[in-house]
PDB file of N, CA and C in Angstrom:
ATOM      1  N   UNK A   1     225.067 193.193 191.174  1.00  0.00           N
ATOM      2  CA  UNK A   1     225.781 194.375 191.634  1.00  0.00           C
ATOM      3  C   UNK A   1     224.855 195.320 192.377  1.00  0.00           C
ATOM      4  N   UNK A   2     223.621 195.450 191.897  1.00  0.00           N
ATOM      5  CA  UNK A   2     222.679 196.340 192.564  1.00  0.00           C
ATOM      6  C   UNK A   2     222.353 195.817 193.954  1.00  0.00           C
ATOM      7  N   UNK A   3     222.217 194.518 194.091  1.00  0.00           N
ATOM      8  CA  UNK A   3     221.951 193.947 195.417  1.00  0.00           C
ATOM      9  C   UNK A   3     223.062 194.285 196.390  1.00  0.00           C
ATOM     10  N   UNK A   4     224.296 194.205 195.923  1.00  0.00           N
ATOM     11  CA  UNK A   4     225.437 194.540 196.780  1.00  0.00           C
ATOM     12  C   UNK A   4     225.382 196.007 197.193  1.00  0.00           C
ATOM     13  N   UNK A   5     225.071 196.893 196.256  1.00  0.00           N
ATOM     14  CA  UNK A   5     224.991 198.325 196.539  1.00  0.00           C
ATOM     15  C   UNK A   5     223.876 198.629 197.535  1.00  0.00           C
ATOM     16  N   UNK A   6     222.804 197.887 197.495  1.00  0.00           N
ATOM     17  CA  UNK A   6     221.707 198.101 198.433  1.00  0.00           C
ATOM     18  C   UNK A   6     222.020 197.548 199.817  1.00  0.00           C
ATOM     19  N   UNK A   7     222.886 196.593 199.908  1.00  0.00           N
ATOM     20  CA  UNK A   7     223.231 195.988 201.188  1.00  0.00           C
ATOM     21  C   UNK A   7     224.119 196.886 202.040  1.00  0.00           C
ATOM     22  N   UNK A   8     224.924 197.731 201.411  1.00  0.00           N
ATOM     23  CA  UNK A   8     225.857 198.580 202.168  1.00  0.00           C
ATOM     24  C   UNK A   8     225.120 199.481 203.150  1.00  0.00           C
ATOM     25  N   UNK A   9     224.103 200.268 202.746  1.00  0.00           N
ATOM     26  CA  UNK A   9     223.409 201.108 203.729  1.00  0.00           C
ATOM     27  C   UNK A   9     222.737 200.297 204.829  1.00  0.00           C
ATOM     28  N   UNK A  10     222.211 199.131 204.478  1.00  0.00           N
ATOM     29  CA  UNK A  10     221.562 198.288 205.480  1.00  0.00           C
ATOM     30  C   UNK A  10     222.577 197.815 206.516  1.00  0.00           C
ATOM     31  N   UNK A  11     223.747 197.383 206.061  1.00  0.00           N
ATOM     32  CA  UNK A  11     224.786 196.929 206.990  1.00  0.00           C
ATOM     33  C   UNK A  11     225.295 198.067 207.861  1.00  0.00           C
ATOM     34  N   UNK A  12     225.453 199.249 207.290  1.00  0.00           N
ATOM     35  CA  UNK A  12     225.911 200.400 208.071  1.00  0.00           C
ATOM     36  C   UNK A  12     224.893 200.776 209.139  1.00  0.00           C
ATOM     37  N   UNK A  13     223.625 200.767 208.787  1.00  0.00           N
ATOM     38  CA  UNK A  13     222.571 201.070 209.744  1.00  0.00           C
ATOM     39  C   UNK A  13     222.560 200.038 210.870  1.00  0.00           C
ATOM     40  N   UNK A  14     222.684 198.774 210.524  1.00  0.00           N
ATOM     41  CA  UNK A  14     222.687 197.707 211.529  1.00  0.00           C
ATOM     42  C   UNK A  14     223.887 197.835 212.456  1.00  0.00           C
ATOM     43  N   UNK A  15     225.042 198.207 211.919  1.00  0.00           N
ATOM     44  CA  UNK A  15     226.244 198.378 212.739  1.00  0.00           C
ATOM     45  C   UNK A  15     226.079 199.526 213.717  1.00  0.00           C
ATOM     46  N   UNK A  16     225.511 200.630 213.266  1.00  0.00           N
ATOM     47  CA  UNK A  16     225.301 201.785 214.137  1.00  0.00           C
ATOM     48  C   UNK A  16     224.314 201.451 215.246  1.00  0.00           C
ATOM     49  N   UNK A  17     223.250 200.741 214.918  1.00  0.00           N
ATOM     50  CA  UNK A  17     222.263 200.353 215.922  1.00  0.00           C
ATOM     51  C   UNK A  17     222.875 199.417 216.952  1.00  0.00           C
ATOM     52  N   UNK A  18     223.710 198.500 216.504  1.00  0.00           N
ATOM     53  CA  UNK A  18     224.376 197.571 217.418  1.00  0.00           C
ATOM     54  C   UNK A  18     225.329 198.309 218.348  1.00  0.00           C
ATOM     55  N   UNK A  19     226.070 199.260 217.827  1.00  0.00           N
ATOM     56  CA  UNK A  19     227.001 200.036 218.651  1.00  0.00           C
ATOM     57  C   UNK A  19     226.256 200.832 219.705  1.00  0.00           C
ATOM     58  N   UNK A  20     225.123 201.426 219.328  1.00  0.00           N
ATOM     59  CA  UNK A  20     224.337 202.194 220.292  1.00  0.00           C
ATOM     60  C   UNK A  20     223.812 201.284 221.390  1.00  0.00           C
ATOM     61  N   UNK A  21     223.362 200.109 221.031  1.00  0.00           N
ATOM     62  CA  UNK A  21     222.848 199.172 222.019  1.00  0.00           C
ATOM     63  C   UNK A  21     223.960 198.748 222.975  1.00  0.00           C
ATOM     64  N   UNK A  22     225.160 198.513 222.468  1.00  0.00           N
ATOM     65  CA  UNK A  22     226.284 198.158 223.326  1.00  0.00           C
ATOM     66  C   UNK A  22     226.624 199.294 224.266  1.00  0.00           C
ATOM     67  N   UNK A  23     226.566 200.533 223.788  1.00  0.00           N
ATOM     68  CA  UNK A  23     226.825 201.695 224.635  1.00  0.00           C
ATOM     69  C   UNK A  23     225.805 201.774 225.761  1.00  0.00           C
ATOM     70  N   UNK A  24     224.547 201.552 225.441  1.00  0.00           N
ATOM     71  CA  UNK A  24     223.509 201.609 226.458  1.00  0.00           C
ATOM     72  C   UNK A  24     223.683 200.504 227.478  1.00  0.00           C
ATOM     73  N   UNK A  25     224.011 199.314 227.032  1.00  0.00           N
ATOM     74  CA  UNK A  25     224.163 198.210 227.972  1.00  0.00           C
ATOM     75  C   UNK A  25     225.407 198.386 228.840  1.00  0.00           C
ATOM     76  N   UNK A  26     226.419 199.078 228.337  1.00  0.00           N
ATOM     77  CA  UNK A  26     227.631 199.309 229.124  1.00  0.00           C
ATOM     78  C   UNK A  26     227.340 200.201 230.323  1.00  0.00           C
ATOM     79  N   UNK A  27     226.358 201.080 230.208  1.00  0.00           N
ATOM     80  CA  UNK A  27     226.049 202.020 231.289  1.00  0.00           C
ATOM     81  C   UNK A  27     224.771 201.664 232.048  1.00  0.00           C
ATOM     82  N   UNK A  28     224.082 200.622 231.642  1.00  0.00           N
ATOM     83  CA  UNK A  28     222.796 200.294 232.253  1.00  0.00           C
ATOM     84  C   UNK A  28     222.917 200.090 233.767  1.00  0.00           C
ATOM     85  N   UNK A  29     223.924 199.388 234.198  1.00  0.00           N
ATOM     86  CA  UNK A  29     224.083 199.127 235.637  1.00  0.00           C
ATOM     87  C   UNK A  29     224.378 200.420 236.393  1.00  0.00           C
ATOM     88  N   UNK A  30     225.238 201.265 235.811  1.00  0.00           N
ATOM     89  CA  UNK A  30     225.575 202.523 236.464  1.00  0.00           C
ATOM     90  C   UNK A  30     224.374 203.464 236.521  1.00  0.00           C
ATOM     91  N   UNK A  31     223.569 203.462 235.462  1.00  0.00           N
ATOM     92  CA  UNK A  31     222.363 204.290 235.468  1.00  0.00           C
ATOM     93  C   UNK A  31     221.425 203.824 236.568  1.00  0.00           C
ATOM     94  N   UNK A  32     221.233 202.521 236.694  1.00  0.00           N
ATOM     95  CA  UNK A  32     220.323 202.020 237.718  1.00  0.00           C
ATOM     96  C   UNK A  32     220.875 202.237 239.129  1.00  0.00           C
ATOM     97  N   UNK A  33     222.194 202.248 239.268  1.00  0.00           N
ATOM     98  CA  UNK A  33     222.801 202.455 240.592  1.00  0.00           C
ATOM     99  C   UNK A  33     222.796 203.918 241.009  1.00  0.00           C
ATOM    100  N   UNK A  34     223.177 204.803 240.098  1.00  0.00           N
ATOM    101  CA  UNK A  34     223.402 206.195 240.472  1.00  0.00           C
ATOM    102  C   UNK A  34     222.318 207.156 239.991  1.00  0.00           C
ATOM    103  N   UNK A  35     221.565 206.791 238.986  1.00  0.00           N
ATOM    104  CA  UNK A  35     220.652 207.743 238.354  1.00  0.00           C
ATOM    105  C   UNK A  35     219.227 207.219 238.232  1.00  0.00           C
ATOM    106  N   UNK A  36     218.875 206.273 239.055  1.00  0.00           N
ATOM    107  CA  UNK A  36     217.549 205.652 238.969  1.00  0.00           C
ATOM    108  C   UNK A  36     216.429 206.693 239.061  1.00  0.00           C
ATOM    109  N   UNK A  37     216.566 207.660 239.944  1.00  0.00           N
ATOM    110  CA  UNK A  37     215.520 208.670 240.138  1.00  0.00           C
ATOM    111  C   UNK A  37     215.352 209.577 238.921  1.00  0.00           C
ATOM    112  N   UNK A  38     216.345 209.617 238.043  1.00  0.00           N
ATOM    113  CA  UNK A  38     216.311 210.512 236.891  1.00  0.00           C
ATOM    114  C   UNK A  38     216.063 209.784 235.572  1.00  0.00           C
ATOM    115  N   UNK A  39     215.802 208.497 235.622  1.00  0.00           N
ATOM    116  CA  UNK A  39     215.668 207.702 234.407  1.00  0.00           C
ATOM    117  C   UNK A  39     214.515 208.167 233.513  1.00  0.00           C
ATOM    118  N   UNK A  40     213.472 208.713 234.083  1.00  0.00           N
ATOM    119  CA  UNK A  40     212.322 209.155 233.297  1.00  0.00           C
ATOM    120  C   UNK A  40     212.411 210.619 232.892  1.00  0.00           C
ATOM    121  N   UNK A  41     213.517 211.268 233.195  1.00  0.00           N
ATOM    122  CA  UNK A  41     213.667 212.700 232.911  1.00  0.00           C
ATOM    123  C   UNK A  41     214.319 212.976 231.565  1.00  0.00           C
ATOM    124  N   UNK A  42     214.679 211.954 230.833  1.00  0.00           N
ATOM    125  CA  UNK A  42     215.266 212.123 229.508  1.00  0.00           C
ATOM    126  C   UNK A  42     216.748 211.778 229.477  1.00  0.00           C
ATOM    127  N   UNK A  43     217.229 211.538 228.273  1.00  0.00           N
ATOM    128  CA  UNK A  43     218.605 211.086 228.072  1.00  0.00           C
ATOM    129  C   UNK A  43     219.639 212.096 228.543  1.00  0.00           C
ATOM    130  N   UNK A  44     219.382 213.386 228.282  1.00  0.00           N
ATOM    131  CA  UNK A  44     220.371 214.403 228.654  1.00  0.00           C
ATOM    132  C   UNK A  44     220.502 214.531 230.172  1.00  0.00           C
ATOM    133  N   UNK A  45     219.408 214.368 230.890  1.00  0.00           N
ATOM    134  CA  UNK A  45     219.443 214.413 232.348  1.00  0.00           C
ATOM    135  C   UNK A  45     220.223 213.212 232.880  1.00  0.00           C
ATOM    136  N   UNK A  46     219.984 212.042 232.309  1.00  0.00           N
ATOM    137  CA  UNK A  46     220.709 210.834 232.722  1.00  0.00           C
ATOM    138  C   UNK A  46     222.195 210.983 232.404  1.00  0.00           C
ATOM    139  N   UNK A  47     222.510 211.531 231.247  1.00  0.00           N
ATOM    140  CA  UNK A  47     223.911 211.764 230.892  1.00  0.00           C
ATOM    141  C   UNK A  47     224.563 212.695 231.895  1.00  0.00           C
ATOM    142  N   UNK A  48     223.879 213.763 232.265  1.00  0.00           N
ATOM    143  CA  UNK A  48     224.408 214.680 233.278  1.00  0.00           C
ATOM    144  C   UNK A  48     224.642 213.982 234.601  1.00  0.00           C
ATOM    145  N   UNK A  49     223.732 213.105 234.969  1.00  0.00           N
ATOM    146  CA  UNK A  49     223.875 212.343 236.205  1.00  0.00           C
ATOM    147  C   UNK A  49     225.093 211.431 236.140  1.00  0.00           C
ATOM    148  N   UNK A  50     225.276 210.765 235.016  1.00  0.00           N
ATOM    149  CA  UNK A  50     226.450 209.898 234.864  1.00  0.00           C
ATOM    150  C   UNK A  50     227.733 210.712 234.979  1.00  0.00           C
ATOM    151  N   UNK A  51     227.742 211.897 234.390  1.00  0.00           N
ATOM    152  CA  UNK A  51     228.927 212.757 234.481  1.00  0.00           C
ATOM    153  C   UNK A  51     229.197 213.170 235.923  1.00  0.00           C
ATOM    154  N   UNK A  52     228.135 213.416 236.692  1.00  0.00           N
ATOM    155  CA  UNK A  52     228.290 213.768 238.107  1.00  0.00           C
ATOM    156  C   UNK A  52     228.929 212.627 238.903  1.00  0.00           C
ATOM    157  N   UNK A  53     228.694 211.411 238.484  1.00  0.00           N
ATOM    158  CA  UNK A  53     229.205 210.228 239.187  1.00  0.00           C
ATOM    159  C   UNK A  53     230.360 209.569 238.450  1.00  0.00           C
ATOM    160  N   UNK A  54     231.024 210.316 237.619  1.00  0.00           N
ATOM    161  CA  UNK A  54     232.089 209.776 236.760  1.00  0.00           C
ATOM    162  C   UNK A  54     233.116 208.945 237.537  1.00  0.00           C
ATOM    163  N   UNK A  55     233.509 209.393 238.690  1.00  0.00           N
ATOM    164  CA  UNK A  55     234.545 208.691 239.460  1.00  0.00           C
ATOM    165  C   UNK A  55     234.095 207.310 239.932  1.00  0.00           C
ATOM    166  N   UNK A  56     232.792 207.092 240.017  1.00  0.00           N
ATOM    167  CA  UNK A  56     232.262 205.827 240.519  1.00  0.00           C
ATOM    168  C   UNK A  56     231.816 204.880 239.409  1.00  0.00           C
ATOM    169  N   UNK A  57     231.835 205.330 238.161  1.00  0.00           N
ATOM    170  CA  UNK A  57     231.329 204.517 237.055  1.00  0.00           C
ATOM    171  C   UNK A  57     232.217 203.311 236.787  1.00  0.00           C
ATOM    172  N   UNK A  58     231.602 202.275 236.250  1.00  0.00           N
ATOM    173  CA  UNK A  58     232.363 201.112 235.812  1.00  0.00           C
ATOM    174  C   UNK A  58     233.246 201.476 234.629  1.00  0.00           C
ATOM    175  N   UNK A  59     234.246 200.661 234.384  1.00  0.00           N
ATOM    176  CA  UNK A  59     235.198 200.955 233.311  1.00  0.00           C
ATOM    177  C   UNK A  59     234.536 201.031 231.945  1.00  0.00           C
ATOM    178  N   UNK A  60     233.597 200.128 231.674  1.00  0.00           N
ATOM    179  CA  UNK A  60     232.945 200.109 230.358  1.00  0.00           C
ATOM    180  C   UNK A  60     232.143 201.383 230.122  1.00  0.00           C
ATOM    181  N   UNK A  61     231.406 201.814 231.107  1.00  0.00           N
ATOM    182  CA  UNK A  61     230.598 203.028 230.965  1.00  0.00           C
ATOM    183  C   UNK A  61     231.501 204.263 230.864  1.00  0.00           C
ATOM    184  N   UNK A  62     232.520 204.325 231.690  1.00  0.00           N
ATOM    185  CA  UNK A  62     233.465 205.448 231.606  1.00  0.00           C
ATOM    186  C   UNK A  62     234.113 205.527 230.235  1.00  0.00           C
ATOM    187  N   UNK A  63     234.421 204.379 229.661  1.00  0.00           N
ATOM    188  CA  UNK A  63     235.018 204.353 228.322  1.00  0.00           C
ATOM    189  C   UNK A  63     234.030 204.840 227.272  1.00  0.00           C
ATOM    190  N   UNK A  64     232.774 204.441 227.388  1.00  0.00           N
ATOM    191  CA  UNK A  64     231.745 204.896 226.446  1.00  0.00           C
ATOM    192  C   UNK A  64     231.624 206.403 226.510  1.00  0.00           C
ATOM    193  N   UNK A  65     231.595 206.966 227.699  1.00  0.00           N
ATOM    194  CA  UNK A  65     231.495 208.417 227.830  1.00  0.00           C
ATOM    195  C   UNK A  65     232.717 209.094 227.214  1.00  0.00           C
ATOM    196  N   UNK A  66     233.901 208.599 227.525  1.00  0.00           N
ATOM    197  CA  UNK A  66     235.126 209.198 226.992  1.00  0.00           C
ATOM    198  C   UNK A  66     235.191 209.063 225.472  1.00  0.00           C
ATOM    199  N   UNK A  67     234.814 207.911 224.948  1.00  0.00           N
ATOM    200  CA  UNK A  67     234.846 207.689 223.498  1.00  0.00           C
ATOM    201  C   UNK A  67     233.879 208.604 222.751  1.00  0.00           C
ATOM    202  N   UNK A  68     232.842 209.072 223.454  1.00  0.00           N
ATOM    203  CA  UNK A  68     231.858 209.931 222.837  1.00  0.00           C
ATOM    204  C   UNK A  68     232.021 211.397 223.243  1.00  0.00           C
ATOM    205  N   UNK A  69     233.188 211.731 223.743  1.00  0.00           N
ATOM    206  CA  UNK A  69     233.494 213.121 224.071  1.00  0.00           C
ATOM    207  C   UNK A  69     232.748 213.670 225.261  1.00  0.00           C
ATOM    208  N   UNK A  70     232.379 212.835 226.175  1.00  0.00           N
ATOM    209  CA  UNK A  70     231.651 213.285 227.356  1.00  0.00           C
ATOM    210  C   UNK A  70     232.574 213.237 228.521  1.00  0.00           C
TER     211      UNK A  70
END
């Protein structure tokens, strides 16, 4: 029973990490297309750049932004 209880936090952490990686990969192409010059300026700058180009983003990236309240 203790092993099962210890596995829950590990599985939750792994799920969150996987979701974040999927979110990043969904926008990777759009970041390289529209925000390449800002890639080294930090995540918030890149996010702002993606928002500026919202109309041109791929469906997957646009969905990630919308799902995360951006």
